[in-house]
């Protein structure tokens, strides 16, 4: 029996009147912090790029100020078609049906990332995240990027051959075919690339296994895609139309400035230039492709200043004008966890 008087046991402690206990400070999670950084990163890249390449933006804008607005409107229309064409090719590279609106929005945002990183790494990264968000496994999403990257140069080369056959008087094929040291350098580059890939796949086991999985997934998807007529048309038709639309933008800008070259000459100049130096890993192809396009147009008889202004105007319309909206779209897609 207890000796403590039960009637003297104190009741429950009175509730504190000082308010709720303070919540300890916690650092934001890594995922939340990464999301905020990715949301602001595109805007930071725009500021850095504008500071580095301000002269091109200023010169192109000054030239466009005196151009024919109707031709510029046509150039902007073909620029918009280019984003739809990119989305069409991406859809053609996967068997699953992707949401049309989000797909076009992702490619519009991918254009901004593509101009910030070399060799289309930015656009591929955005598309990879988008495909994963749509439930496509990483292996198959990566395989679709590889298929996209393979089909585009093949389709561009086929379009170039079609133009050379259709307009032999503009640029004979013999002037484009590499000779002498150029041919040796081209063959050496191809051999070095294939040899490096073979050595890495042979001796690096950690690289070999995912590469083989990616190849198996790619072959499976390629067989399935080429049994679907809609995917064949989207993949190959879109890849063939993309460079023609880009060249048409240059032609429209040139026409607004009074350039005397025909549409076929401008398209052939762009196809030849982008095929020759398109493999140089510059962001969005800016630089090498621009210079090669200008010199090819001059070889066709265009004045140097008009050819340069046409290419600068093309870059203003396809890079600078959609850059800020594309960055905002990219930030919005990241914030909404679409990417």
Protein backbone atom coordinates (compact mmCIF):
# COMPACT_ATOMS: atom_id res chain seq x y z
CA UNK A 1 0.00 0.00 0.00
CA UNK A 2 1.40 3.37 -1.03
CA UNK A 3 2.18 5.91 1.70
CA UNK A 4 1.68 8.91 -0.67
CA UNK A 5 -1.57 10.81 -0.20
CA UNK A 6 -3.43 10.44 -3.48
CA UNK A 7 -5.46 13.57 -2.93
CA UNK A 8 -2.28 15.67 -3.00
CA UNK A 9 -1.09 14.49 -6.43
CA UNK A 10 -0.87 17.58 -8.59
CA UNK A 11 -3.15 17.80 -11.58
CA UNK A 12 -1.98 18.20 -15.17
CA UNK A 13 0.41 21.01 -15.88
CA UNK A 14 -1.27 24.18 -17.12
CA UNK A 15 -1.11 24.82 -20.84
CA UNK A 16 1.60 27.19 -21.88
CA UNK A 17 0.41 30.63 -22.82
CA UNK A 18 3.59 31.56 -24.66
CA UNK A 19 2.32 30.23 -28.04
CA UNK A 20 3.44 27.20 -30.05
CA UNK A 21 6.95 25.90 -29.68
CA UNK A 22 9.35 27.33 -32.23
CA UNK A 23 9.91 25.14 -35.27
CA UNK A 24 13.59 24.37 -35.74
CA UNK A 25 15.17 25.89 -38.86
CA UNK A 26 15.64 23.39 -41.66
CA UNK A 27 17.60 23.83 -44.82
CA UNK A 28 15.63 23.30 -48.02
CA UNK A 29 15.87 19.85 -49.50
CA UNK A 30 18.34 19.22 -52.30
CA UNK A 31 15.53 18.57 -54.77
CA UNK A 32 13.78 21.85 -53.94
CA UNK A 33 17.04 23.78 -54.14
CA UNK A 34 17.93 22.16 -57.47
CA UNK A 35 14.51 23.08 -58.84
CA UNK A 36 14.98 26.72 -57.91
CA UNK A 37 18.45 26.78 -59.45
CA UNK A 38 17.19 25.21 -62.68
CA UNK A 39 14.35 27.72 -62.78
CA UNK A 40 16.72 30.69 -62.63
CA UNK A 41 19.58 29.21 -64.65
CA UNK A 42 18.12 29.97 -68.12
CA UNK A 43 17.70 33.65 -67.23
CA UNK A 44 21.30 33.76 -65.99
CA UNK A 45 22.53 32.20 -69.24
CA UNK A 46 20.64 34.84 -71.23
CA UNK A 47 22.37 37.62 -69.32
CA UNK A 48 25.82 36.10 -69.84
CA UNK A 49 25.22 35.48 -73.52
CA UNK A 50 23.85 38.97 -74.09
CA UNK A 51 26.97 40.46 -72.50
CA UNK A 52 29.31 38.34 -74.63
CA UNK A 53 27.49 38.51 -77.99
CA UNK A 54 25.86 41.94 -77.79
CA UNK A 55 27.43 43.16 -81.05
CA UNK A 56 25.65 40.52 -83.15
CA UNK A 57 22.32 41.33 -81.53
CA UNK A 58 22.80 45.06 -82.08
CA UNK A 59 23.88 44.76 -85.72
CA UNK A 60 21.11 42.34 -86.60
CA UNK A 61 18.45 44.44 -84.92
CA UNK A 62 19.69 47.59 -86.68
CA UNK A 63 19.52 45.89 -90.07
CA UNK A 64 16.07 44.45 -89.41
CA UNK A 65 14.76 47.89 -88.46
CA UNK A 66 14.95 48.96 -92.12
CA UNK A 67 13.75 45.68 -93.62
CA UNK A 68 10.43 44.89 -95.29
CA UNK A 69 8.09 43.94 -92.41
CA UNK A 70 5.99 41.55 -94.51
CA UNK A 71 9.02 39.45 -95.42
CA UNK A 72 10.08 39.51 -91.77
CA UNK A 73 6.62 38.31 -90.80
CA UNK A 74 7.02 35.45 -93.26
CA UNK A 75 10.43 34.64 -91.75
CA UNK A 76 8.90 34.57 -88.26
CA UNK A 77 6.13 32.27 -89.55
CA UNK A 78 8.70 29.79 -90.89
CA UNK A 79 10.58 30.05 -87.60
CA UNK A 80 7.44 28.98 -85.73
CA UNK A 81 6.99 26.09 -88.15
CA UNK A 82 10.50 24.99 -87.22
CA UNK A 83 9.50 24.40 -83.59
CA UNK A 84 6.55 22.32 -84.73
CA UNK A 85 8.81 20.34 -87.04
CA UNK A 86 11.22 19.60 -84.19
CA UNK A 87 8.31 18.32 -82.12
CA UNK A 88 7.19 16.20 -85.08
CA UNK A 89 10.59 14.52 -85.35
CA UNK A 90 10.68 13.89 -81.58
CA UNK A 91 7.24 12.25 -81.80
CA UNK A 92 8.39 10.12 -84.70
CA UNK A 93 11.30 8.77 -82.64
CA UNK A 94 9.08 7.09 -80.00
CA UNK A 95 6.16 4.67 -80.47
CA UNK A 96 4.11 6.16 -77.61
CA UNK A 97 1.72 9.00 -78.27
CA UNK A 98 3.04 12.17 -76.61
CA UNK A 99 0.81 15.11 -75.57
CA UNK A 100 0.99 17.56 -78.47
CA UNK A 101 0.87 20.80 -76.48
CA UNK A 102 3.50 19.78 -73.94
CA UNK A 103 5.69 18.33 -76.67
CA UNK A 104 5.72 21.59 -78.65
CA UNK A 105 6.29 23.56 -75.43
CA UNK A 106 9.22 21.31 -74.50
CA UNK A 107 10.82 21.80 -77.92
CA UNK A 108 10.33 25.55 -77.71
CA UNK A 109 12.09 25.46 -74.34
CA UNK A 110 14.72 23.05 -75.66
CA UNK A 111 15.68 25.64 -78.27
CA UNK A 112 16.88 27.94 -75.49
CA UNK A 113 18.93 25.17 -73.87
CA UNK A 114 20.27 24.18 -77.29
CA UNK A 115 21.74 27.66 -77.82
CA UNK A 116 23.42 27.62 -74.40
CA UNK A 117 25.32 24.31 -74.69
CA UNK A 118 27.28 22.80 -77.60
CA UNK A 119 26.43 19.80 -79.77
CA UNK A 120 22.68 19.96 -78.94
CA UNK A 121 23.39 18.74 -75.40
CA UNK A 122 20.96 21.22 -73.89
CA UNK A 123 18.07 20.29 -76.19
CA UNK A 124 18.71 16.57 -75.66
CA UNK A 125 18.77 17.03 -71.88
CA UNK A 126 15.42 18.86 -71.91
CA UNK A 127 13.88 16.26 -74.22
CA UNK A 128 15.24 13.40 -72.12
CA UNK A 129 13.65 14.81 -68.98
CA UNK A 130 10.39 15.36 -70.85
CA UNK A 131 10.29 11.78 -72.16
CA UNK A 132 11.02 10.39 -68.71
CA UNK A 133 8.23 12.56 -67.32
CA UNK A 134 5.88 10.91 -69.83
CA UNK A 135 6.72 7.47 -68.45
CA UNK A 136 9.29 6.39 -71.05
CA UNK A 137 12.21 4.48 -69.44
CA UNK A 138 15.65 6.04 -69.49
CA UNK A 139 17.09 3.43 -71.87
CA UNK A 140 14.37 3.89 -74.47
CA UNK A 141 14.38 7.67 -74.08
CA UNK A 142 18.13 7.73 -74.69
CA UNK A 143 17.67 5.45 -77.69
CA UNK A 144 15.12 7.87 -79.15
CA UNK A 145 17.63 10.71 -78.82
CA UNK A 146 20.23 8.61 -80.63
CA UNK A 147 17.74 7.86 -83.40
CA UNK A 148 16.85 11.55 -83.67
CA UNK A 149 20.53 12.49 -83.90
CA UNK A 150 21.15 9.85 -86.58
CA UNK A 151 18.14 10.59 -88.76
CA UNK A 152 18.65 14.36 -88.99
CA UNK A 153 22.05 14.36 -90.78
CA UNK A 154 20.97 11.49 -93.03
CA UNK A 155 17.80 13.33 -94.02
CA UNK A 156 19.73 16.59 -94.54
CA UNK A 157 22.22 14.83 -96.81
CA UNK A 158 19.39 13.27 -98.82
CA UNK A 159 17.72 16.67 -99.20
CA UNK A 160 21.04 18.15 -100.33
CA UNK A 161 21.40 15.43 -102.95
CA UNK A 162 17.86 16.07 -104.16
CA UNK A 163 18.63 19.78 -104.56
CA UNK A 164 21.89 19.05 -106.38
CA UNK A 165 20.09 16.76 -108.80
CA UNK A 166 17.15 19.14 -109.25
CA UNK A 167 19.31 22.27 -109.72
CA UNK A 168 22.59 21.09 -111.28
CA UNK A 169 23.27 24.52 -112.77
CA UNK A 170 23.51 26.19 -109.35
CA UNK A 171 26.27 24.11 -107.81
CA UNK A 172 27.75 21.06 -109.56
CA UNK A 173 28.23 18.10 -107.27
CA UNK A 174 31.93 17.93 -108.14
CA UNK A 175 32.54 21.24 -106.37
CA UNK A 176 31.18 19.81 -103.11
CA UNK A 177 32.86 16.41 -103.20
CA UNK A 178 36.01 16.40 -101.03
CA UNK A 179 39.31 15.85 -102.78
CA UNK A 180 42.92 15.31 -101.79
CA UNK A 181 43.69 16.26 -98.21
CA UNK A 182 40.04 17.13 -97.53
CA UNK A 183 39.00 13.61 -98.43
CA UNK A 184 41.77 12.12 -96.29
CA UNK A 185 40.82 14.31 -93.32
CA UNK A 186 37.16 13.33 -93.67
CA UNK A 187 37.97 9.62 -93.85
CA UNK A 188 40.44 9.99 -90.97
CA UNK A 189 37.84 11.70 -88.81
CA UNK A 190 35.28 8.95 -89.45
CA UNK A 191 37.88 6.23 -88.78
CA UNK A 192 39.04 7.94 -85.56
CA UNK A 193 35.46 8.26 -84.29
CA UNK A 194 34.61 4.63 -85.01
CA UNK A 195 37.93 3.43 -83.58
CA UNK A 196 37.50 5.41 -80.36
CA UNK A 197 33.97 4.06 -79.90
CA UNK A 198 35.17 0.50 -80.50
CA UNK A 199 38.04 0.82 -77.99
CA UNK A 200 35.79 2.30 -75.31
CA UNK A 201 33.13 -0.37 -75.76
CA UNK A 202 35.75 -3.14 -75.73
CA UNK A 203 37.74 -2.16 -72.64
CA UNK A 204 35.33 -0.14 -70.48
CA UNK A 205 32.83 -2.63 -69.08
CA UNK A 206 30.75 -0.03 -67.24
CA UNK A 207 30.20 1.74 -70.53
CA UNK A 208 29.64 -1.42 -72.58
CA UNK A 209 26.62 -2.71 -70.70
CA UNK A 210 24.48 0.45 -70.83
CA UNK A 211 25.56 1.00 -74.44
CA UNK A 212 24.42 -2.50 -75.40
CA UNK A 213 21.12 -2.00 -73.58
CA UNK A 214 20.64 1.28 -75.43
CA UNK A 215 21.42 -0.37 -78.78
CA UNK A 216 18.97 -3.21 -78.11
CA UNK A 217 16.25 -0.74 -77.14
CA UNK A 218 17.01 1.39 -80.20
CA UNK A 219 16.82 -1.58 -82.58
CA UNK A 220 13.56 -2.72 -81.02
CA UNK A 221 12.02 0.74 -81.30
CA UNK A 222 13.33 1.26 -84.84
CA UNK A 223 11.68 -1.98 -85.99
CA UNK A 224 8.44 -1.00 -84.28
CA UNK A 225 8.49 2.59 -85.54
CA UNK A 226 9.03 1.54 -89.13
CA UNK A 227 5.88 -0.56 -89.00
CA UNK A 228 3.88 2.59 -88.16
CA UNK A 229 3.37 4.84 -91.23
CA UNK A 230 2.55 7.87 -89.10
CA UNK A 231 5.86 7.58 -87.22
CA UNK A 232 7.83 7.10 -90.46
CA UNK A 233 6.28 10.24 -91.93
CA UNK A 234 6.86 12.23 -88.74
CA UNK A 235 10.45 11.09 -88.28
CA UNK A 236 11.81 11.29 -91.82
CA UNK A 237 9.47 13.95 -93.17
CA UNK A 238 10.11 16.25 -90.24
CA UNK A 239 13.88 15.70 -90.38
CA UNK A 240 13.89 16.53 -94.10
CA UNK A 241 11.69 19.61 -93.68
CA UNK A 242 13.68 21.12 -90.79
CA UNK A 243 16.76 22.35 -92.72
CA UNK A 244 14.59 23.56 -95.59
CA UNK A 245 12.55 25.67 -93.16
CA UNK A 246 15.73 27.09 -91.62
CA UNK A 247 17.02 28.05 -95.06
CA UNK A 248 13.65 29.54 -95.92
CA UNK A 249 13.95 31.82 -92.88
CA UNK A 250 17.32 33.05 -94.23
CA UNK A 251 15.79 33.57 -97.68
CA UNK A 252 12.86 35.55 -96.23
CA UNK A 253 15.19 37.77 -94.20
CA UNK A 254 17.39 38.28 -97.26
CA UNK A 255 14.37 39.16 -99.39
CA UNK A 256 13.35 41.75 -96.81
CA UNK A 257 16.78 43.34 -97.21
CA UNK A 258 16.83 43.16 -101.02
CA UNK A 259 19.00 40.05 -101.49
CA UNK A 260 18.92 38.91 -105.11
CA UNK A 261 19.52 35.18 -104.61
CA UNK A 262 16.72 32.74 -105.40
CA UNK A 263 15.13 30.47 -102.84
CA UNK A 264 16.87 27.41 -104.29
CA UNK A 265 20.27 29.12 -104.09
CA UNK A 266 19.79 30.09 -100.44
CA UNK A 267 18.53 26.63 -99.48
CA UNK A 268 21.41 24.96 -101.28
CA UNK A 269 23.90 27.36 -99.67
CA UNK A 270 22.59 26.59 -96.19
CA UNK A 271 22.44 22.83 -96.80
CA UNK A 272 25.98 22.75 -98.14
CA UNK A 273 27.33 24.92 -95.31
CA UNK A 274 25.56 23.08 -92.49
CA UNK A 275 26.52 19.69 -93.93
CA UNK A 276 30.17 20.70 -94.25
CA UNK A 277 30.68 22.28 -90.80
CA UNK A 278 27.57 21.23 -88.88
CA UNK A 279 29.55 18.68 -86.86
CA UNK A 280 31.58 21.43 -85.16
CA UNK A 281 30.34 21.41 -81.51
CA UNK A 282 29.25 25.04 -81.30
CA UNK A 283 26.10 26.03 -79.36
CA UNK A 284 23.21 25.74 -81.79
CA UNK A 285 25.66 25.67 -84.69
CA UNK A 286 26.25 29.39 -84.21
CA UNK A 287 29.55 30.53 -85.65
CA UNK A 288 30.85 27.86 -88.05
CA UNK A 289 27.53 27.34 -89.85
CA UNK A 290 26.93 31.09 -90.04
CA UNK A 291 30.33 31.82 -91.55
CA UNK A 292 30.08 28.94 -94.02
CA UNK A 293 26.58 30.04 -95.06
CA UNK A 294 27.73 33.62 -95.67
CA UNK A 295 30.69 32.53 -97.79
CA UNK A 296 28.56 30.09 -99.79
CA UNK A 297 25.99 32.79 -100.49
CA UNK A 298 28.79 35.15 -101.58
CA UNK A 299 30.05 32.40 -103.91
CA UNK A 300 26.59 32.36 -105.48
CA UNK A 301 26.87 36.10 -106.19
CA UNK A 302 25.39 37.77 -103.11
CA UNK A 303 27.07 40.94 -101.75
CA UNK A 304 29.01 40.27 -98.56
CA UNK A 305 27.13 42.85 -96.50
CA UNK A 306 23.68 41.58 -97.51
CA UNK A 307 24.67 37.94 -97.00
CA UNK A 308 26.04 38.78 -93.54
CA UNK A 309 22.98 40.83 -92.63
CA UNK A 310 20.68 37.99 -93.77
CA UNK A 311 22.42 35.46 -91.54
CA UNK A 312 22.49 37.89 -88.61
CA UNK A 313 18.79 38.55 -89.07
CA UNK A 314 18.18 34.81 -89.21
CA UNK A 315 19.96 34.41 -85.89
CA UNK A 316 18.05 37.31 -84.36
CA UNK A 317 14.72 35.70 -85.33
CA UNK A 318 15.61 32.13 -84.44
CA UNK A 319 17.78 32.77 -81.35
CA UNK A 320 17.39 36.20 -79.78
CA UNK A 321 13.67 36.82 -80.28
CA UNK A 322 12.51 33.46 -78.80
CA UNK A 323 15.30 33.29 -76.22
CA UNK A 324 13.54 35.03 -73.34
CA UNK A 325 10.11 33.41 -73.97
CA UNK A 326 11.86 30.05 -74.34
CA UNK A 327 13.73 30.55 -71.07
CA UNK A 328 10.50 31.45 -69.31
CA UNK A 329 8.84 28.39 -70.81
CA UNK A 330 11.75 26.23 -69.65
CA UNK A 331 11.48 27.66 -66.14
CA UNK A 332 7.72 27.09 -66.11
CA UNK A 333 8.08 23.47 -67.23
CA UNK A 334 10.71 22.84 -64.56
CA UNK A 335 8.56 24.52 -61.91
CA UNK A 336 5.53 22.42 -62.91
CA UNK A 337 7.69 19.28 -62.82
CA UNK A 338 7.03 18.50 -66.49
CA UNK A 339 10.83 18.35 -66.87
